Amino acid sequence: MVSFWELARDALPSLLGGVAVTVKLTTICIAAGFLLGWLLALGRVYGGKLAFSISTGYVEFVRGTPLLVQLFFLYYGLPEMGVVLPPLLAAGIAMGLNTAAYQAEYFRGAIQSIPRGQVEAAYSLGMTGLQTFLHIVFPQAMRFVMPAWSNELIYMLKYSSLAFVVGVPELMGRANLIAARNFRYFELYLVVAGIYIGLVWTISGLISALERKIGVPGLGEPT
């Protein structure tokens, strides 16, 4: 029987290929969720009764159902209606739609944390609603939301491991394929855990650097 280090060395090339798929999947879904999340947040804060109802209904439905159920619905449920999605696309859509609901709540809270007086001052200077949002609300909201949003990014990185259940060859999927051949599940999952920790530390470091870059002294601090 090969040693743990030999096993890790032999499995690493395949696992790193899975890391590339994991990072790609996470990047796509978090970007899609970012865009849709802002639309949902704007619908809940500034939309009329219809936009508010649709946005709220979507957020409550998605947050009230597990990501795994949503993934199974897209991959196994839609084919009954004639819609067949490739595994990676199904996982990306499910994760993107899921994270959008959570990001929407982060963005909504950030928007509502902007003092109303700033918005009224912008209107008094002749700024339109769009100009006020782009130049007053959005920049501050992004600074306020960064800590919570960074948590969502890390969550989605880890949730991407669910994609293996529909055949996506991401990190967890690659580990399961290797373990099915040599039955060294414990050691391989230990290696996978170490890789995930490394990815999370890397993302946390990048987010911390970004927060320092865009941070404004005194913004968001209690007075």
Protein backbone atom coordinates (compact mmCIF):
# COMPACT_ATOMS: atom_id res chain seq x y z
CA MET A 1 0.00 0.00 0.00
CA VAL A 2 1.35 3.41 -0.96
CA SER A 3 1.88 5.99 1.75
CA PHE A 4 -0.36 9.00 2.32
CA TRP A 5 2.14 11.36 0.70
CA GLU A 6 2.50 9.16 -2.35
CA LEU A 7 -1.28 8.96 -2.63
CA ALA A 8 -1.59 12.75 -2.35
CA ARG A 9 1.18 13.26 -4.92
CA ASP A 10 -0.43 10.91 -7.43
CA ALA A 11 -3.91 12.36 -6.93
CA LEU A 12 -2.87 16.03 -6.96
CA PRO A 13 -2.83 16.61 -10.76
CA SER A 14 -6.39 15.33 -11.09
CA LEU A 15 -7.53 17.24 -8.01
CA LEU A 16 -6.01 20.47 -9.31
CA GLY A 17 -8.01 19.96 -12.50
CA GLY A 18 -11.06 19.76 -10.28
CA VAL A 19 -9.99 22.98 -8.55
CA ALA A 20 -10.04 24.75 -11.92
CA VAL A 21 -13.64 23.60 -12.49
CA THR A 22 -14.59 24.61 -8.93
CA VAL A 23 -13.16 28.10 -9.35
CA LYS A 24 -14.81 28.51 -12.75
CA LEU A 25 -18.18 27.38 -11.45
CA THR A 26 -17.95 29.61 -8.39
CA THR A 27 -16.88 32.65 -10.41
CA ILE A 28 -19.69 32.30 -12.93
CA CYS A 29 -22.42 31.73 -10.36
CA ILE A 30 -21.28 34.53 -8.02
CA ALA A 31 -21.11 36.99 -10.95
CA ALA A 32 -24.57 36.00 -12.19
CA GLY A 33 -25.89 36.18 -8.64
CA PHE A 34 -24.36 39.62 -8.23
CA LEU A 35 -26.22 41.04 -11.22
CA LEU A 36 -29.53 39.34 -10.44
CA GLY A 37 -29.14 40.13 -6.76
CA TRP A 38 -28.93 43.84 -7.46
CA LEU A 39 -32.03 43.68 -9.65
CA LEU A 40 -33.93 41.91 -6.89
CA ALA A 41 -32.69 44.36 -4.26
CA LEU A 42 -33.72 47.34 -6.37
CA GLY A 43 -37.12 45.75 -6.91
CA ARG A 44 -37.59 45.34 -3.16
CA VAL A 45 -36.40 48.85 -2.26
CA TYR A 46 -37.46 51.05 -5.16
CA GLY A 47 -39.91 48.94 -7.15
CA GLY A 48 -43.65 49.28 -7.23
CA LYS A 49 -46.07 46.80 -5.76
CA LEU A 50 -45.62 44.28 -8.60
CA ALA A 51 -41.80 44.44 -8.63
CA PHE A 52 -41.71 44.22 -4.84
CA SER A 53 -44.02 41.20 -4.81
CA ILE A 54 -42.09 39.33 -7.51
CA SER A 55 -38.71 40.09 -5.93
CA THR A 56 -39.87 39.18 -2.45
CA GLY A 57 -41.54 35.98 -3.64
CA TYR A 58 -38.39 34.91 -5.45
CA VAL A 59 -36.13 35.62 -2.47
CA GLU A 60 -38.38 33.82 -0.01
CA PHE A 61 -38.83 30.78 -2.27
CA VAL A 62 -35.12 30.35 -2.96
CA ARG A 63 -34.06 30.94 0.63
CA GLY A 64 -36.74 28.55 1.82
CA THR A 65 -35.61 25.59 -0.28
CA PRO A 66 -32.25 23.75 -0.15
CA LEU A 67 -29.73 24.30 -2.92
CA LEU A 68 -29.63 20.53 -3.51
CA VAL A 69 -33.38 20.48 -4.22
CA GLN A 70 -32.98 23.35 -6.68
CA LEU A 71 -30.11 21.56 -8.39
CA PHE A 72 -32.06 18.31 -8.68
CA PHE A 73 -35.08 20.19 -10.03
CA LEU A 74 -33.02 21.69 -12.86
CA TYR A 75 -31.01 18.58 -13.70
CA TYR A 76 -33.52 15.78 -13.10
CA GLY A 77 -36.85 17.61 -13.17
CA LEU A 78 -36.61 19.74 -16.30
CA PRO A 79 -35.94 16.78 -18.64
CA GLU A 80 -39.52 15.65 -17.96
CA MET A 81 -40.58 18.88 -19.69
CA GLY A 82 -38.14 18.38 -22.56
CA VAL A 83 -35.37 20.64 -21.23
CA VAL A 84 -32.07 18.82 -20.79
CA LEU A 85 -29.17 20.77 -19.29
CA PRO A 86 -25.53 19.64 -19.21
CA PRO A 87 -24.29 19.01 -15.65
CA LEU A 88 -22.04 22.07 -15.46
CA LEU A 89 -24.73 24.38 -16.84
CA ALA A 90 -27.38 22.99 -14.49
CA ALA A 91 -25.08 23.45 -11.50
CA GLY A 92 -24.13 26.97 -12.58
CA ILE A 93 -27.74 28.04 -13.03
CA ALA A 94 -28.84 26.51 -9.73
CA MET A 95 -26.00 28.08 -7.78
CA GLY A 96 -26.38 31.43 -9.54
CA LEU A 97 -30.12 31.61 -8.85
CA ASN A 98 -29.54 30.52 -5.26
CA THR A 99 -26.84 33.03 -4.40
CA ALA A 100 -28.79 35.84 -6.09
CA ALA A 101 -31.48 35.59 -3.42
CA TYR A 102 -28.96 35.88 -0.59
CA GLN A 103 -26.97 38.63 -2.28
CA ALA A 104 -30.21 40.54 -2.83
CA GLU A 105 -30.78 40.66 0.91
CA TYR A 106 -27.23 41.86 1.54
CA PHE A 107 -27.64 44.60 -1.07
CA ARG A 108 -31.06 45.60 0.23
CA GLY A 109 -29.70 46.04 3.73
CA ALA A 110 -26.76 48.05 2.42
CA ILE A 111 -29.05 50.34 0.42
CA GLN A 112 -31.27 50.96 3.41
CA SER A 113 -28.26 51.76 5.57
CA ILE A 114 -27.52 54.88 3.50
CA PRO A 115 -28.79 57.94 5.42
CA ARG A 116 -31.93 59.28 3.79
CA GLY A 117 -30.57 62.80 4.09
CA GLN A 118 -27.88 62.06 1.53
CA VAL A 119 -30.46 60.99 -1.02
CA GLU A 120 -32.61 64.04 -0.35
CA ALA A 121 -29.55 66.28 -0.66
CA ALA A 122 -28.76 64.73 -4.05
CA TYR A 123 -32.30 65.37 -5.25
CA SER A 124 -32.12 68.97 -4.03
CA LEU A 125 -29.00 69.45 -6.17
CA GLY A 126 -30.93 68.38 -9.24
CA MET A 127 -29.63 64.82 -9.55
CA THR A 128 -31.97 62.25 -11.07
CA GLY A 129 -32.88 59.01 -9.34
CA LEU A 130 -30.41 57.08 -11.52
CA GLN A 131 -27.62 59.58 -10.88
CA THR A 132 -28.31 59.48 -7.16
CA PHE A 133 -28.11 55.71 -7.13
CA LEU A 134 -24.94 55.49 -9.24
CA HIS A 135 -23.00 58.26 -7.50
CA ILE A 136 -24.36 58.27 -3.94
CA VAL A 137 -26.06 55.00 -3.04
CA PHE A 138 -24.18 52.33 -4.99
CA PRO A 139 -20.58 53.28 -4.02
CA GLN A 140 -21.43 53.41 -0.32
CA ALA A 141 -23.61 50.31 -0.43
CA MET A 142 -20.77 48.29 -1.95
CA ARG A 143 -18.47 49.34 0.87
CA PHE A 144 -21.06 48.49 3.51
CA VAL A 145 -21.91 45.11 1.97
CA MET A 146 -18.38 43.84 1.36
CA PRO A 147 -17.97 41.79 4.61
CA ALA A 148 -21.30 39.97 4.17
CA TRP A 149 -20.79 39.56 0.43
CA SER A 150 -17.36 38.02 0.96
CA ASN A 151 -18.97 35.41 3.21
CA GLU A 152 -21.39 34.54 0.41
CA LEU A 153 -18.47 34.07 -1.98
CA ILE A 154 -16.85 31.63 0.42
CA TYR A 155 -20.16 29.83 0.98
CA MET A 156 -20.64 29.35 -2.76
CA LEU A 157 -17.10 28.04 -3.15
CA LYS A 158 -17.90 25.34 -0.62
CA TYR A 159 -21.43 24.73 -1.91
CA SER A 160 -19.95 24.04 -5.34
CA SER A 161 -19.00 20.63 -3.94
CA LEU A 162 -22.67 19.67 -4.34
CA ALA A 163 -22.23 19.78 -8.10
CA PHE A 164 -20.58 16.36 -8.06
CA VAL A 165 -23.98 14.73 -7.43
CA VAL A 166 -24.99 15.58 -11.02
CA GLY A 167 -21.66 14.53 -12.52
CA VAL A 168 -19.71 17.80 -12.60
CA PRO A 169 -15.98 16.91 -12.40
CA GLU A 170 -15.11 19.58 -9.83
CA LEU A 171 -12.81 19.03 -6.86
CA MET A 172 -15.13 16.79 -4.85
CA GLY A 173 -16.17 14.88 -7.95
CA ARG A 174 -12.57 14.16 -8.88
CA ALA A 175 -11.82 12.99 -5.33
CA ASN A 176 -14.77 10.59 -5.38
CA LEU A 177 -13.66 9.10 -8.69
CA ILE A 178 -10.14 8.50 -7.38
CA ALA A 179 -11.39 7.11 -4.05
CA ALA A 180 -13.73 4.71 -5.87
CA ARG A 181 -10.67 3.11 -7.46
CA ASN A 182 -8.40 2.80 -4.43
CA PHE A 183 -10.87 3.02 -1.52
CA ARG A 184 -8.64 5.54 0.29
CA TYR A 185 -11.56 7.84 1.12
CA PHE A 186 -10.23 9.19 4.40
CA GLU A 187 -6.88 10.26 3.03
CA LEU A 188 -8.31 11.75 -0.15
CA TYR A 189 -10.98 13.71 1.66
CA LEU A 190 -8.27 15.00 3.99
CA VAL A 191 -6.35 16.29 0.98
CA VAL A 192 -9.53 17.84 -0.43
CA ALA A 193 -10.22 19.56 2.91
CA GLY A 194 -6.72 21.03 2.84
CA ILE A 195 -7.25 22.34 -0.70
CA TYR A 196 -10.55 23.96 0.27
CA ILE A 197 -8.90 25.61 3.28
CA GLY A 198 -6.18 26.97 1.01
CA LEU A 199 -8.78 28.35 -1.39
CA VAL A 200 -10.76 29.97 1.43
CA TRP A 201 -7.63 31.57 2.89
CA THR A 202 -6.70 32.91 -0.53
CA ILE A 203 -10.14 34.40 -1.12
CA SER A 204 -10.24 35.88 2.39
CA GLY A 205 -6.86 37.53 1.82
CA LEU A 206 -7.96 38.99 -1.52
CA ILE A 207 -11.22 40.30 -0.06
CA SER A 208 -9.39 41.86 2.89
CA ALA A 209 -7.02 43.60 0.49
CA LEU A 210 -9.99 44.85 -1.55
CA GLU A 211 -11.73 46.15 1.57
CA ARG A 212 -8.61 48.13 2.50
CA LYS A 213 -8.37 49.44 -1.06
CA ILE A 214 -11.92 50.73 -1.36
CA GLY A 215 -12.48 51.58 2.31
CA VAL A 216 -13.15 55.18 3.27
CA PRO A 217 -11.92 56.20 6.76
CA GLY A 218 -14.89 56.76 9.05
CA LEU A 219 -17.48 55.36 6.63
CA GLY A 220 -19.76 52.98 8.44
CA GLU A 221 -18.16 53.64 11.83
CA PRO A 222 -20.44 54.54 14.74
CA THR A 223 -20.63 58.23 15.54
